[in-house]
């Protein structure tokens, strides 16, 4: 997968998980490409730190 972004910040967590902060990318395209590759992606809302499992992007996940 090729991704163009203004900036990317990756932080390692426990149990093989990572946190990725990406600026300047189309989030819908990113979520769909990750799902097409059989991987999972969670969208975290910084305001309340709730996690939304994402397979294919839907408009309500992006607000």
PDB file of N, CA and C in Angstrom:
ATOM      1  N   UNK A   1       0.846  -1.162   0.000  1.00  0.00           N
ATOM      2  CA  UNK A   1       0.000   0.000   0.000  1.00  0.00           C
ATOM      3  C   UNK A   1       0.896   1.231   0.000  1.00  0.00           C
ATOM      4  N   UNK A   2       0.591   2.176  -0.852  1.00  0.00           N
ATOM      5  CA  UNK A   2       1.316   3.440  -0.910  1.00  0.00           C
ATOM      6  C   UNK A   2       0.413   4.541  -0.374  1.00  0.00           C
ATOM      7  N   UNK A   3       0.955   5.344   0.501  1.00  0.00           N
ATOM      8  CA  UNK A   3       0.177   6.397   1.135  1.00  0.00           C
ATOM      9  C   UNK A   3       0.964   7.697   1.104  1.00  0.00           C
ATOM     10  N   UNK A   4       0.334   8.762   0.644  1.00  0.00           N
ATOM     11  CA  UNK A   4       0.955  10.082   0.677  1.00  0.00           C
ATOM     12  C   UNK A   4       0.318  10.869   1.810  1.00  0.00           C
ATOM     13  N   UNK A   5       1.168  11.478   2.647  1.00  0.00           N
ATOM     14  CA  UNK A   5       0.674  12.258   3.776  1.00  0.00           C
ATOM     15  C   UNK A   5       1.619  13.411   4.052  1.00  0.00           C
ATOM     16  N   UNK A   6       1.101  14.419   4.740  1.00  0.00           N
ATOM     17  CA  UNK A   6       1.939  15.550   5.136  1.00  0.00           C
ATOM     18  C   UNK A   6       2.912  15.138   6.237  1.00  0.00           C
ATOM     19  N   UNK A   7       2.435  14.351   7.199  1.00  0.00           N
ATOM     20  CA  UNK A   7       3.302  13.851   8.269  1.00  0.00           C
ATOM     21  C   UNK A   7       2.737  12.553   8.825  1.00  0.00           C
ATOM     22  N   UNK A   8       3.635  11.688   9.310  1.00  0.00           N
ATOM     23  CA  UNK A   8       3.255  10.412   9.904  1.00  0.00           C
ATOM     24  C   UNK A   8       4.055  10.239  11.188  1.00  0.00           C
ATOM     25  N   UNK A   9       3.374   9.905  12.281  1.00  0.00           N
ATOM     26  CA  UNK A   9       4.011   9.657  13.564  1.00  0.00           C
ATOM     27  C   UNK A   9       3.555   8.285  14.048  1.00  0.00           C
ATOM     28  N   UNK A  10       4.494   7.374  14.315  1.00  0.00           N
ATOM     29  CA  UNK A  10       4.174   6.015  14.744  1.00  0.00           C
ATOM     30  C   UNK A  10       4.749   5.787  16.132  1.00  0.00           C
ATOM     31  N   UNK A  11       3.925   5.226  17.026  1.00  0.00           N
ATOM     32  CA  UNK A  11       4.365   4.928  18.385  1.00  0.00           C
ATOM     33  C   UNK A  11       4.060   3.468  18.688  1.00  0.00           C
ATOM     34  N   UNK A  12       5.054   2.731  19.184  1.00  0.00           N
ATOM     35  CA  UNK A  12       4.879   1.321  19.533  1.00  0.00           C
ATOM     36  C   UNK A  12       4.172   1.202  20.881  1.00  0.00           C
ATOM     37  N   UNK A  13       3.225   0.270  20.957  1.00  0.00           N
ATOM     38  CA  UNK A  13       2.534  -0.040  22.199  1.00  0.00           C
ATOM     39  C   UNK A  13       2.869  -1.472  22.591  1.00  0.00           C
ATOM     40  N   UNK A  14       2.148  -2.026  23.544  1.00  0.00           N
ATOM     41  CA  UNK A  14       2.374  -3.411  23.957  1.00  0.00           C
ATOM     42  C   UNK A  14       1.627  -4.388  23.052  1.00  0.00           C
ATOM     43  N   UNK A  15       1.953  -5.642  23.153  1.00  0.00           N
ATOM     44  CA  UNK A  15       1.273  -6.731  22.440  1.00  0.00           C
ATOM     45  C   UNK A  15       1.283  -6.554  20.921  1.00  0.00           C
ATOM     46  N   UNK A  16       2.295  -5.893  20.384  1.00  0.00           N
ATOM     47  CA  UNK A  16       2.417  -5.746  18.943  1.00  0.00           C
ATOM     48  C   UNK A  16       1.530  -4.691  18.315  1.00  0.00           C
ATOM     49  N   UNK A  17       0.878  -3.875  19.113  1.00  0.00           N
ATOM     50  CA  UNK A  17       0.022  -2.811  18.596  1.00  0.00           C
ATOM     51  C   UNK A  17       0.835  -1.538  18.394  1.00  0.00           C
ATOM     52  N   UNK A  18       0.378  -0.706  17.489  1.00  0.00           N
ATOM     53  CA  UNK A  18       0.997   0.595  17.262  1.00  0.00           C
ATOM     54  C   UNK A  18      -0.080   1.664  17.185  1.00  0.00           C
ATOM     55  N   UNK A  19       0.317   2.897  17.426  1.00  0.00           N
ATOM     56  CA  UNK A  19      -0.542   4.058  17.228  1.00  0.00           C
ATOM     57  C   UNK A  19       0.075   4.860  16.102  1.00  0.00           C
ATOM     58  N   UNK A  20      -0.744   5.246  15.127  1.00  0.00           N
ATOM     59  CA  UNK A  20      -0.257   6.019  13.989  1.00  0.00           C
ATOM     60  C   UNK A  20      -1.075   7.301  13.895  1.00  0.00           C
ATOM     61  N   UNK A  21      -0.376   8.430  13.909  1.00  0.00           N
ATOM     62  CA  UNK A  21      -1.009   9.739  13.736  1.00  0.00           C
ATOM     63  C   UNK A  21      -0.613  10.248  12.358  1.00  0.00           C
ATOM     64  N   UNK A  22      -1.600  10.417  11.475  1.00  0.00           N
ATOM     65  CA  UNK A  22      -1.334  10.806  10.088  1.00  0.00           C
ATOM     66  C   UNK A  22      -2.050  12.117   9.790  1.00  0.00           C
ATOM     67  N   UNK A  23      -1.306  13.098   9.295  1.00  0.00           N
ATOM     68  CA  UNK A  23      -1.886  14.377   8.882  1.00  0.00           C
ATOM     69  C   UNK A  23      -1.840  14.487   7.365  1.00  0.00           C
ATOM     70  N   UNK A  24      -2.895  15.039   6.784  1.00  0.00           N
ATOM     71  CA  UNK A  24      -2.918  15.310   5.346  1.00  0.00           C
ATOM     72  C   UNK A  24      -3.197  14.098   4.492  1.00  0.00           C
ATOM     73  N   UNK A  25      -4.094  13.205   4.955  1.00  0.00           N
ATOM     74  CA  UNK A  25      -4.439  12.013   4.190  1.00  0.00           C
ATOM     75  C   UNK A  25      -5.962  11.868   4.159  1.00  0.00           C
ATOM     76  N   UNK A  26      -6.479  11.258   3.112  1.00  0.00           N
ATOM     77  CA  UNK A  26      -7.908  10.989   2.994  1.00  0.00           C
ATOM     78  C   UNK A  26      -8.226   9.774   3.857  1.00  0.00           C
ATOM     79  N   UNK A  27      -8.893   9.990   5.004  1.00  0.00           N
ATOM     80  CA  UNK A  27      -9.142   8.915   5.970  1.00  0.00           C
ATOM     81  C   UNK A  27     -10.031   7.818   5.387  1.00  0.00           C
ATOM     82  N   UNK A  28     -10.982   8.170   4.548  1.00  0.00           N
ATOM     83  CA  UNK A  28     -11.848   7.164   3.935  1.00  0.00           C
ATOM     84  C   UNK A  28     -11.038   6.215   3.063  1.00  0.00           C
ATOM     85  N   UNK A  29     -10.159   6.764   2.251  1.00  0.00           N
ATOM     86  CA  UNK A  29      -9.309   5.946   1.387  1.00  0.00           C
ATOM     87  C   UNK A  29      -8.388   5.052   2.216  1.00  0.00           C
ATOM     88  N   UNK A  30      -7.824   5.590   3.283  1.00  0.00           N
ATOM     89  CA  UNK A  30      -6.933   4.813   4.146  1.00  0.00           C
ATOM     90  C   UNK A  30      -7.657   3.628   4.775  1.00  0.00           C
ATOM     91  N   UNK A  31      -8.825   3.863   5.365  1.00  0.00           N
ATOM     92  CA  UNK A  31      -9.585   2.789   6.010  1.00  0.00           C
ATOM     93  C   UNK A  31      -9.949   1.708   5.001  1.00  0.00           C
ATOM     94  N   UNK A  32     -10.401   2.094   3.823  1.00  0.00           N
ATOM     95  CA  UNK A  32     -10.785   1.115   2.808  1.00  0.00           C
ATOM     96  C   UNK A  32      -9.600   0.288   2.332  1.00  0.00           C
ATOM     97  N   UNK A  33      -8.440   0.905   2.135  1.00  0.00           N
ATOM     98  CA  UNK A  33      -7.253   0.161   1.693  1.00  0.00           C
ATOM     99  C   UNK A  33      -6.780  -0.810   2.762  1.00  0.00           C
ATOM    100  N   UNK A  34      -6.803  -0.391   4.011  1.00  0.00           N
ATOM    101  CA  UNK A  34      -6.404  -1.280   5.104  1.00  0.00           C
ATOM    102  C   UNK A  34      -7.330  -2.488   5.154  1.00  0.00           C
ATOM    103  N   UNK A  35      -8.634  -2.271   5.034  1.00  0.00           N
ATOM    104  CA  UNK A  35      -9.604  -3.369   5.059  1.00  0.00           C
ATOM    105  C   UNK A  35      -9.427  -4.298   3.868  1.00  0.00           C
ATOM    106  N   UNK A  36      -9.134  -3.747   2.682  1.00  0.00           N
ATOM    107  CA  UNK A  36      -8.909  -4.572   1.494  1.00  0.00           C
ATOM    108  C   UNK A  36      -7.721  -5.507   1.682  1.00  0.00           C
ATOM    109  N   UNK A  37      -6.745  -5.089   2.471  1.00  0.00           N
ATOM    110  CA  UNK A  37      -5.562  -5.912   2.731  1.00  0.00           C
ATOM    111  C   UNK A  37      -5.795  -6.926   3.844  1.00  0.00           C
ATOM    112  N   UNK A  38      -7.004  -6.969   4.416  1.00  0.00           N
ATOM    113  CA  UNK A  38      -7.326  -7.939   5.448  1.00  0.00           C
ATOM    114  C   UNK A  38      -6.857  -7.538   6.834  1.00  0.00           C
ATOM    115  N   UNK A  39      -6.454  -6.292   7.009  1.00  0.00           N
ATOM    116  CA  UNK A  39      -6.003  -5.817   8.312  1.00  0.00           C
ATOM    117  C   UNK A  39      -7.117  -5.021   8.974  1.00  0.00           C
ATOM    118  N   UNK A  40      -6.926  -4.700  10.245  1.00  0.00           N
ATOM    119  CA  UNK A  40      -7.933  -3.908  10.945  1.00  0.00           C
ATOM    120  C   UNK A  40      -7.359  -2.546  11.299  1.00  0.00           C
ATOM    121  N   UNK A  41      -8.248  -1.602  11.446  1.00  0.00           N
ATOM    122  CA  UNK A  41      -7.873  -0.234  11.774  1.00  0.00           C
ATOM    123  C   UNK A  41      -8.929   0.311  12.713  1.00  0.00           C
ATOM    124  N   UNK A  42      -8.503   0.963  13.768  1.00  0.00           N
ATOM    125  CA  UNK A  42      -9.444   1.589  14.693  1.00  0.00           C
ATOM    126  C   UNK A  42      -9.277   3.092  14.629  1.00  0.00           C
ATOM    127  N   UNK A  43     -10.386   3.780  14.540  1.00  0.00           N
ATOM    128  CA  UNK A  43     -10.379   5.234  14.538  1.00  0.00           C
ATOM    129  C   UNK A  43     -10.649   5.678  15.967  1.00  0.00           C
ATOM    130  N   UNK A  44      -9.735   6.459  16.525  1.00  0.00           N
ATOM    131  CA  UNK A  44      -9.878   6.929  17.898  1.00  0.00           C
ATOM    132  C   UNK A  44     -10.185   8.413  17.878  1.00  0.00           C
ATOM    133  N   UNK A  45     -11.245   8.777  18.553  1.00  0.00           N
ATOM    134  CA  UNK A  45     -11.633  10.175  18.672  1.00  0.00           C
ATOM    135  C   UNK A  45     -10.901  10.761  19.869  1.00  0.00           C
ATOM    136  N   UNK A  46     -10.009  11.712  19.637  1.00  0.00           N
ATOM    137  CA  UNK A  46      -9.207  12.287  20.713  1.00  0.00           C
ATOM    138  C   UNK A  46     -10.055  12.977  21.772  1.00  0.00           C
ATOM    139  N   UNK A  47     -11.229  13.465  21.422  1.00  0.00           N
ATOM    140  CA  UNK A  47     -12.060  14.198  22.382  1.00  0.00           C
ATOM    141  C   UNK A  47     -12.526  13.318  23.525  1.00  0.00           C
ATOM    142  N   UNK A  48     -12.881  12.063  23.254  1.00  0.00           N
ATOM    143  CA  UNK A  48     -13.364  11.197  24.326  1.00  0.00           C
ATOM    144  C   UNK A  48     -12.640   9.861  24.373  1.00  0.00           C
ATOM    145  N   UNK A  49     -11.635   9.671  23.551  1.00  0.00           N
ATOM    146  CA  UNK A  49     -10.801   8.462  23.520  1.00  0.00           C
ATOM    147  C   UNK A  49     -11.598   7.186  23.304  1.00  0.00           C
ATOM    148  N   UNK A  50     -12.754   7.261  22.645  1.00  0.00           N
ATOM    149  CA  UNK A  50     -13.500   6.051  22.328  1.00  0.00           C
ATOM    150  C   UNK A  50     -12.977   5.473  21.030  1.00  0.00           C
ATOM    151  N   UNK A  51     -12.974   4.162  20.950  1.00  0.00           N
ATOM    152  CA  UNK A  51     -12.484   3.488  19.757  1.00  0.00           C
ATOM    153  C   UNK A  51     -13.652   3.001  18.930  1.00  0.00           C
ATOM    154  N   UNK A  52     -13.555   3.173  17.623  1.00  0.00           N
ATOM    155  CA  UNK A  52     -14.557   2.693  16.686  1.00  0.00           C
ATOM    156  C   UNK A  52     -13.888   1.708  15.746  1.00  0.00           C
ATOM    157  N   UNK A  53     -14.194   0.395  15.853  1.00  0.00           N
ATOM    158  CA  UNK A  53     -13.607  -0.537  14.887  1.00  0.00           C
ATOM    159  C   UNK A  53     -14.039  -0.145  13.478  1.00  0.00           C
ATOM    160  N   UNK A  54     -13.105  -0.138  12.558  1.00  0.00           N
ATOM    161  CA  UNK A  54     -13.413   0.263  11.188  1.00  0.00           C
ATOM    162  C   UNK A  54     -13.011  -0.836  10.224  1.00  0.00           C
ATOM    163  N   UNK A  55     -13.930  -1.257   9.389  1.00  0.00           N
ATOM    164  CA  UNK A  55     -13.587  -2.169   8.306  1.00  0.00           C
ATOM    165  C   UNK A  55     -13.602  -1.360   7.024  1.00  0.00           C
ATOM    166  N   UNK A  56     -14.764  -0.971   6.571  1.00  0.00           N
ATOM    167  CA  UNK A  56     -14.868  -0.025   5.465  1.00  0.00           C
ATOM    168  C   UNK A  56     -15.425   1.266   6.034  1.00  0.00           C
ATOM    169  N   UNK A  57     -14.903   2.378   5.561  1.00  0.00           N
ATOM    170  CA  UNK A  57     -15.303   3.674   6.104  1.00  0.00           C
ATOM    171  C   UNK A  57     -16.751   3.979   5.774  1.00  0.00           C
ATOM    172  N   UNK A  58     -17.432   4.476   6.757  1.00  0.00           N
ATOM    173  CA  UNK A  58     -18.782   4.977   6.537  1.00  0.00           C
ATOM    174  C   UNK A  58     -18.812   6.413   7.049  1.00  0.00           C
ATOM    175  N   UNK A  59     -19.686   7.231   6.516  1.00  0.00           N
ATOM    176  CA  UNK A  59     -19.689   8.653   6.879  1.00  0.00           C
ATOM    177  C   UNK A  59     -19.798   8.913   8.374  1.00  0.00           C
ATOM    178  N   UNK A  60     -20.564   8.091   9.116  1.00  0.00           N
ATOM    179  CA  UNK A  60     -20.715   8.359  10.546  1.00  0.00           C
ATOM    180  C   UNK A  60     -19.428   8.110  11.320  1.00  0.00           C
ATOM    181  N   UNK A  61     -18.507   7.320  10.790  1.00  0.00           N
ATOM    182  CA  UNK A  61     -17.243   7.077  11.468  1.00  0.00           C
ATOM    183  C   UNK A  61     -16.278   8.232  11.290  1.00  0.00           C
ATOM    184  N   UNK A  62     -16.520   9.095  10.325  1.00  0.00           N
ATOM    185  CA  UNK A  62     -15.549  10.118   9.985  1.00  0.00           C
ATOM    186  C   UNK A  62     -15.888  11.481  10.565  1.00  0.00           C
ATOM    187  N   UNK A  63     -16.982  11.594  11.296  1.00  0.00           N
ATOM    188  CA  UNK A  63     -17.367  12.891  11.859  1.00  0.00           C
ATOM    189  C   UNK A  63     -16.690  13.139  13.168  1.00  0.00           C
TER     190      UNK A  63
END
